[in-house]
Every structure is written in C-alpha cells, then in structure tokens.
C-alpha atoms as a PDB file:
ATOM      1  CA  MET A   1       6.758 -34.059  19.332  1.00  0.00           C
ATOM      2  CA  GLN A   2       5.516 -35.565  22.536  1.00  0.00           C
ATOM      3  CA  HIS A   3       8.241 -35.740  25.406  1.00  0.00           C
ATOM      4  CA  THR A   4       8.563 -38.917  27.366  1.00  0.00           C
ATOM      5  CA  ASP A   5       7.911 -37.213  30.640  1.00  0.00           C
ATOM      6  CA  ASN A   6       4.192 -36.169  29.191  1.00  0.00           C
ATOM      7  CA  ARG A   7       3.498 -39.401  31.289  1.00  0.00           C
ATOM      8  CA  TYR A   8       4.016 -37.144  34.746  1.00  0.00           C
ATOM      9  CA  LEU A   9       1.799 -34.512  33.487  1.00  0.00           C
ATOM     10  CA  GLU A  10      -1.002 -36.481  32.383  1.00  0.00           C
ATOM     11  CA  ALA A  11      -0.229 -38.660  36.202  1.00  0.00           C
ATOM     12  CA  LEU A  12      -1.076 -35.241  37.374  1.00  0.00           C
ATOM     13  CA  CYS A  13      -3.939 -34.504  35.516  1.00  0.00           C
ATOM     14  CA  THR A  14      -5.668 -37.761  36.053  1.00  0.00           C
ATOM     15  CA  GLY A  15      -4.603 -38.503  39.928  1.00  0.00           C
ATOM     16  CA  ASN A  16      -2.409 -41.344  39.003  1.00  0.00           C
ATOM     17  CA  SER A  17      -0.660 -41.800  42.637  1.00  0.00           C
ATOM     18  CA  SER A  18       1.951 -44.083  41.763  1.00  0.00           C
ATOM     19  CA  LEU A  19       3.477 -41.648  38.700  1.00  0.00           C
ATOM     20  CA  LEU A  20       2.962 -38.687  41.281  1.00  0.00           C
ATOM     21  CA  ASP A  21       4.996 -40.547  43.742  1.00  0.00           C
ATOM     22  CA  GLU A  22       7.336 -40.530  41.107  1.00  0.00           C
ATOM     23  CA  VAL A  23       7.439 -36.821  40.489  1.00  0.00           C
ATOM     24  CA  TYR A  24       8.096 -36.501  43.919  1.00  0.00           C
ATOM     25  CA  ARG A  25      10.849 -38.747  44.504  1.00  0.00           C
ATOM     26  CA  LYS A  26      12.658 -37.672  41.169  1.00  0.00           C
ATOM     27  CA  TYR A  27      11.943 -34.090  41.835  1.00  0.00           C
ATOM     28  CA  ALA A  28      11.204 -32.477  45.256  1.00  0.00           C
ATOM     29  CA  ARG A  29      14.839 -32.750  46.320  1.00  0.00           C
ATOM     30  CA  GLU A  30      16.167 -30.771  43.718  1.00  0.00           C
ATOM     31  CA  VAL A  31      13.358 -28.046  44.582  1.00  0.00           C
ATOM     32  CA  MET A  32      14.032 -28.133  48.181  1.00  0.00           C
ATOM     33  CA  LEU A  33      17.882 -27.537  47.588  1.00  0.00           C
ATOM     34  CA  TRP A  34      17.401 -24.753  45.451  1.00  0.00           C
ATOM     35  CA  VAL A  35      14.998 -23.310  47.912  1.00  0.00           C
ATOM     36  CA  VAL A  36      17.490 -23.709  50.553  1.00  0.00           C
ATOM     37  CA  LYS A  37      20.179 -22.236  48.425  1.00  0.00           C
ATOM     38  CA  ASN A  38      17.770 -19.305  47.821  1.00  0.00           C
ATOM     39  CA  ASN A  39      17.051 -17.755  51.559  1.00  0.00           C
ATOM     40  CA  GLY A  40      14.322 -20.545  52.124  1.00  0.00           C
ATOM     41  CA  ASP A  41      13.904 -23.586  54.151  1.00  0.00           C
ATOM     42  CA  ALA A  42      12.689 -27.154  53.608  1.00  0.00           C
ATOM     43  CA  ASP A  43       9.089 -25.957  54.939  1.00  0.00           C
ATOM     44  CA  ASP A  44       9.149 -23.035  52.141  1.00  0.00           C
ATOM     45  CA  ALA A  45      10.294 -25.634  49.466  1.00  0.00           C
ATOM     46  CA  GLN A  46       7.567 -28.513  50.313  1.00  0.00           C
ATOM     47  CA  ASP A  47       4.897 -25.520  50.073  1.00  0.00           C
ATOM     48  CA  LEU A  48       6.569 -24.348  46.884  1.00  0.00           C
ATOM     49  CA  PHE A  49       6.491 -27.658  45.259  1.00  0.00           C
ATOM     50  CA  GLN A  50       2.695 -28.686  45.994  1.00  0.00           C
ATOM     51  CA  ASP A  51       2.304 -24.864  44.833  1.00  0.00           C
ATOM     52  CA  ALA A  52       4.135 -25.512  41.391  1.00  0.00           C
ATOM     53  CA  LEU A  53       2.205 -28.757  40.812  1.00  0.00           C
ATOM     54  CA  MET A  54      -1.150 -26.822  41.709  1.00  0.00           C
ATOM     55  CA  ALA A  55      -0.211 -24.124  39.095  1.00  0.00           C
ATOM     56  CA  ILE A  56       0.990 -26.684  36.228  1.00  0.00           C
ATOM     57  CA  TYR A  57      -2.208 -28.626  36.922  1.00  0.00           C
ATOM     58  CA  ASP A  58      -4.482 -25.248  36.794  1.00  0.00           C
ATOM     59  CA  ARG A  59      -2.900 -24.284  33.508  1.00  0.00           C
ATOM     60  CA  TYR A  60      -2.279 -27.372  31.725  1.00  0.00           C
ATOM     61  CA  CYS A  61      -4.706 -30.048  32.687  1.00  0.00           C
ATOM     62  CA  GLY A  62      -8.228 -30.252  30.710  1.00  0.00           C
ATOM     63  CA  ARG A  63      -6.181 -28.739  27.758  1.00  0.00           C
ATOM     64  CA  ASP A  64      -4.932 -30.203  24.665  1.00  0.00           C
ATOM     65  CA  PHE A  65      -1.470 -29.921  25.616  1.00  0.00           C
ATOM     66  CA  GLN A  66       1.647 -32.099  25.150  1.00  0.00           C
ATOM     67  CA  LEU A  67       5.174 -31.293  26.882  1.00  0.00           C
ATOM     68  CA  SER A  68       8.079 -31.126  24.467  1.00  0.00           C
ATOM     69  CA  GLY A  69      10.444 -30.943  27.209  1.00  0.00           C
ATOM     70  CA  ALA A  70      11.694 -32.576  30.408  1.00  0.00           C
ATOM     71  CA  PHE A  71       8.414 -32.099  33.226  1.00  0.00           C
ATOM     72  CA  GLY A  72      11.084 -31.091  35.533  1.00  0.00           C
ATOM     73  CA  ALA A  73      12.474 -27.993  33.731  1.00  0.00           C
ATOM     74  CA  LEU A  74       8.900 -27.103  33.498  1.00  0.00           C
ATOM     75  CA  LEU A  75       8.667 -27.657  37.404  1.00  0.00           C
ATOM     76  CA  MET A  76      11.820 -25.779  38.322  1.00  0.00           C
ATOM     77  CA  THR A  77      10.655 -22.966  35.932  1.00  0.00           C
ATOM     78  CA  VAL A  78       7.284 -22.672  37.703  1.00  0.00           C
ATOM     79  CA  CYS A  79       9.021 -23.125  41.038  1.00  0.00           C
ATOM     80  CA  ARG A  80      11.380 -20.363  40.357  1.00  0.00           C
ATOM     81  CA  ARG A  81       8.891 -17.924  39.281  1.00  0.00           C
ATOM     82  CA  LYS A  82       6.615 -18.492  42.262  1.00  0.00           C
ATOM     83  CA  TRP A  83       9.971 -18.235  44.824  1.00  0.00           C
ATOM     84  CA  PHE A  84      10.657 -15.084  43.302  1.00  0.00           C
ATOM     85  CA  ASP A  85       7.417 -13.664  43.629  1.00  0.00           C
ATOM     86  CA  ARG A  86       7.136 -14.854  47.149  1.00  0.00           C
ATOM     87  CA  LEU A  87      10.605 -13.083  47.762  1.00  0.00           C
ATOM     88  CA  SER A  88       9.514 -10.051  46.407  1.00  0.00           C
ATOM     89  CA  GLN A  89       5.918 -10.023  48.475  1.00  0.00           C
ATOM     90  CA  LYS A  90       7.985 -10.816  51.611  1.00  0.00           C
ATOM     91  CA  LYS A  91      10.560  -7.997  50.778  1.00  0.00           C
ATOM     92  CA  ARG A  92       7.791  -5.645  50.187  1.00  0.00           C
ATOM     93  CA  GLU A  93       6.016  -6.943  53.239  1.00  0.00           C
ATOM     94  CA  GLU A  94       9.079  -6.353  55.528  1.00  0.00           C
ATOM     95  CA  GLY A  95       9.613  -3.208  54.102  1.00  0.00           C
ATOM     96  CA  VAL A  96       5.866  -2.124  55.319  1.00  0.00           C
ATOM     97  CA  ARG A  97       6.701  -3.504  58.711  1.00  0.00           C
ATOM     98  CA  ASN A  98       9.697  -2.131  58.984  1.00  0.00           C
ATOM     99  CA  ALA A  99       8.145   1.384  58.014  1.00  0.00           C
ATOM    100  CA  GLU A 100       5.044   1.166  60.480  1.00  0.00           C
ATOM    101  CA  ALA A 101       7.950  -0.449  63.343  1.00  0.00           C
ATOM    102  CA  GLU A 102       9.983   2.979  62.432  1.00  0.00           C
ATOM    103  CA  ARG A 103       6.883   5.056  62.365  1.00  0.00           C
ATOM    104  CA  TYR A 104       5.449   3.460  65.800  1.00  0.00           C
ATOM    105  CA  THR A 105       8.931   4.107  67.151  1.00  0.00           C
ATOM    106  CA  GLU A 106       9.109   7.860  66.108  1.00  0.00           C
ATOM    107  CA  GLU A 107       5.194   8.271  67.752  1.00  0.00           C
ATOM    108  CA  THR A 108       6.543   6.382  70.924  1.00  0.00           C
ATOM    109  CA  SER A 109       9.283   8.791  71.082  1.00  0.00           C
ATOM    110  CA  GLU A 110       7.283  11.811  70.350  1.00  0.00           C
ATOM    111  CA  TRP A 111       5.084  10.651  73.025  1.00  0.00           C
ATOM    112  CA  GLU A 112       7.495   9.715  75.588  1.00  0.00           C
ATOM    113  CA  ALA A 113       8.914  13.033  75.030  1.00  0.00           C
ATOM    114  CA  ALA A 114       5.415  14.965  75.733  1.00  0.00           C
ATOM    115  CA  GLU A 115       4.973  12.817  78.802  1.00  0.00           C
ATOM    116  CA  GLU A 116       8.569  13.911  80.384  1.00  0.00           C
ATOM    117  CA  ALA A 117       7.491  17.227  79.571  1.00  0.00           C
ATOM    118  CA  ILE A 118       4.483  16.944  81.435  1.00  0.00           C
ATOM    119  CA  LEU A 119       6.367  14.983  84.013  1.00  0.00           C
ATOM    120  CA  GLN A 120       9.159  17.867  84.508  1.00  0.00           C
ATOM    121  CA  GLN A 121       6.555  20.612  84.548  1.00  0.00           C
ATOM    122  CA  LYS A 122       4.915  18.729  87.490  1.00  0.00           C
ATOM    123  CA  ARG A 123       8.140  18.118  88.924  1.00  0.00           C
ATOM    124  CA  GLN A 124       8.865  22.075  88.357  1.00  0.00           C
ATOM    125  CA  GLU A 125       5.194  23.094  90.079  1.00  0.00           C
ATOM    126  CA  CYS A 126       5.771  20.657  93.016  1.00  0.00           C
ATOM    127  CA  LEU A 127       9.493  22.410  94.186  1.00  0.00           C
ATOM    128  CA  SER A 128       8.060  25.609  93.879  1.00  0.00           C
ATOM    129  CA  GLN A 129       4.777  24.452  95.931  1.00  0.00           C
ATOM    130  CA  VAL A 130       6.712  22.893  98.315  1.00  0.00           C
ATOM    131  CA  PHE A 131       9.775  25.604  98.621  1.00  0.00           C
ATOM    132  CA  GLU A 132       6.562  27.443 100.027  1.00  0.00           C
ATOM    133  CA  LEU A 133       6.587  25.180 102.731  1.00  0.00           C
ATOM    134  CA  LEU A 134      10.196  25.719 104.017  1.00  0.00           C
ATOM    135  CA  SER A 135      10.988  28.240 106.874  1.00  0.00           C
ATOM    136  CA  GLU A 136      11.598  31.604 106.009  1.00  0.00           C
ATOM    137  CA  GLN A 137      15.078  31.479 106.624  1.00  0.00           C
ATOM    138  CA  CYS A 138      15.892  28.526 104.429  1.00  0.00           C
ATOM    139  CA  ARG A 139      13.755  29.941 101.612  1.00  0.00           C
ATOM    140  CA  LYS A 140      15.715  33.270 101.831  1.00  0.00           C
ATOM    141  CA  LEU A 141      19.230  30.914 102.096  1.00  0.00           C
ATOM    142  CA  LEU A 142      18.433  28.938  99.073  1.00  0.00           C
ATOM    143  CA  SER A 143      17.625  31.887  97.345  1.00  0.00           C
ATOM    144  CA  LEU A 144      20.381  33.587  98.067  1.00  0.00           C
ATOM    145  CA  ILE A 145      22.772  30.593  97.274  1.00  0.00           C
ATOM    146  CA  THR A 146      21.236  29.807  93.943  1.00  0.00           C
ATOM    147  CA  ALA A 147      21.004  33.755  92.976  1.00  0.00           C
ATOM    148  CA  ASP A 148      23.694  34.714  90.654  1.00  0.00           C
ATOM    149  CA  GLU A 149      26.041  32.827  92.964  1.00  0.00           C
ATOM    150  CA  THR A 150      26.186  35.314  96.007  1.00  0.00           C
ATOM    151  CA  PRO A 151      29.491  35.399  97.879  1.00  0.00           C
ATOM    152  CA  VAL A 152      29.227  33.369 101.102  1.00  0.00           C
ATOM    153  CA  GLU A 153      30.335  36.226 103.093  1.00  0.00           C
ATOM    154  CA  GLN A 154      27.620  38.148 101.758  1.00  0.00           C
ATOM    155  CA  ILE A 155      24.953  35.609 102.793  1.00  0.00           C
ATOM    156  CA  VAL A 156      26.563  35.455 106.261  1.00  0.00           C
ATOM    157  CA  GLN A 157      25.641  39.224 106.539  1.00  0.00           C
ATOM    158  CA  GLN A 158      22.384  39.154 105.205  1.00  0.00           C
ATOM    159  CA  LEU A 159      21.023  36.279 107.006  1.00  0.00           C
ATOM    160  CA  GLY A 160      22.959  37.300 110.705  1.00  0.00           C
ATOM    161  CA  MET A 161      24.763  33.843 110.646  1.00  0.00           C
ATOM    162  CA  ALA A 162      28.174  32.856 112.289  1.00  0.00           C
ATOM    163  CA  ASN A 163      30.167  32.252 109.580  1.00  0.00           C
ATOM    164  CA  ALA A 164      30.468  30.399 106.205  1.00  0.00           C
ATOM    165  CA  ASN A 165      30.553  27.119 107.525  1.00  0.00           C
ATOM    166  CA  ALA A 166      27.216  27.924 109.053  1.00  0.00           C
ATOM    167  CA  VAL A 167      25.671  28.619 105.770  1.00  0.00           C
ATOM    168  CA  TYR A 168      26.739  25.151 104.204  1.00  0.00           C
ATOM    169  CA  GLN A 169      25.169  23.756 107.013  1.00  0.00           C
ATOM    170  CA  SER A 170      22.052  25.302 107.034  1.00  0.00           C
ATOM    171  CA  LYS A 171      22.291  24.839 103.102  1.00  0.00           C
ATOM    172  CA  HIS A 172      22.686  21.103 103.633  1.00  0.00           C
ATOM    173  CA  ARG A 173      19.754  21.115 106.341  1.00  0.00           C
ATOM    174  CA  CYS A 174      17.485  23.158 103.793  1.00  0.00           C
ATOM    175  CA  THR A 175      18.277  21.393 100.780  1.00  0.00           C
ATOM    176  CA  ALA A 176      17.146  17.892 102.650  1.00  0.00           C
ATOM    177  CA  ARG A 177      14.329  19.006 104.021  1.00  0.00           C
ATOM    178  CA  TRP A 178      13.172  20.607 100.866  1.00  0.00           C
ATOM    179  CA  ARG A 179      14.277  17.223  99.033  1.00  0.00           C
ATOM    180  CA  GLN A 180      12.392  15.348 101.528  1.00  0.00           C
ATOM    181  CA  LEU A 181       9.000  17.774 101.258  1.00  0.00           C
ATOM    182  CA  PHE A 182       9.266  17.130  97.224  1.00  0.00           C
ATOM    183  CA  TYR A 183       9.272  13.415  97.403  1.00  0.00           C
ATOM    184  CA  GLU A 184       6.388  13.106  99.831  1.00  0.00           C
ATOM    185  CA  HIS A 185       4.384  15.760  97.794  1.00  0.00           C
ATOM    186  CA  PHE A 186       5.133  14.621  94.687  1.00  0.00           C
ATOM    187  CA  LYS A 187       4.387  10.945  95.225  1.00  0.00           C
ATOM    188  CA  ALA A 188       0.996  12.010  96.734  1.00  0.00           C
ATOM    189  CA  THR A 189      -0.118  13.955  93.633  1.00  0.00           C
ATOM    190  CA  THR A 190       1.673  11.412  91.126  1.00  0.00           C
ATOM    191  CA  HIS A 191       0.228   8.139  92.748  1.00  0.00           C
ATOM    192  CA  GLY A 192      -2.955   9.196  93.813  1.00  0.00           C
END
C-alpha cells in the first residue's frame, strides 16, 4: 500500500522544487538536532541531509518503488547510517593521525637525543682542546682538584702555593679562564 509521503519521494525523483522545499522545512531541523546531539554541528547536519537525499535518489529513483512508510523515517534511517559511518571513519582517521603523531614524536625524541649526544661529545672535545690552552699551573691545579678529591693541603704542597686560600683563588681564576676559552672556541666551531 502506498504511503501519502510517497509524493516526497516522487518530488525528489522529478525535481519538484515546491515539494522539495517542504521536505527541507519538514525534516532538516530534525536531522540537524539529531546530528548536533550526536557529536556533529549544523554544517555536518546540512551536508548529511544533502547526502541522505542523494542516497535516496540513487537508490529508489528510476525504479518501481512505492513508500510503505513515512518519508521522514526513511530519511532518518539513511541519515543515521551515513552519520555513524562518518563517525567511524573519523575515529579511524583520528587513530591514524594519533599514531602518526606519536611516531613523529618518538622519531623527533630519538633525533633530538642523537643531536644532544653529538653536541655533548663536541662540548667534551672542545673542553679537552681548550684545557690544553691553559697555563701549565692551571692545568695541574684543575687536574689535582678534580682527581679523586685531592686534599687542599696536598695541592698547596705539590704546587708550592702559600695556603688553601691561594688554591681556591687560583682555582676560581683558572676555571673562569677555561670557561671563557671554551665559550669562545665552542661558539666559533659550532656557528661557523
């Protein structure tokens, strides 16, 4: 038995604009409210409404088909199916994007770690090179201070210094000079 809403299907198939306007007025808001309630927005609803009408047209127009139920029920069924397909697709795409972002982050982290290791090696090489530019007295003093925490009294005796205060003052001057040479040299080698 033919339903009275069959006229909407016929309007869609024949392009009857006045009845199609009625379809929009009657069902577009219902579709929009449903889409918004299901993680979409008004633009999504408008696109979905158009897609659903096109799907109904493709499926039923040009065939001997008579609606036995409400056009709105058919339209909402098509909209729901299409919307859930879109959400599934979005979820899959989001999963791929997230996996790619994670992979990129891991690769970036590995790359940054490798770059940091190379930079650290350059720093060590530079520190060793500029250490050789220090005076013999500074090299001996810094070597003794850093080697197994040599007691200050022993350093005073080995280097012939007046007292522990002289060791600390010399250490400060030597360290400052080493730092200055390092920055000058490292800056020159890393920036051209």
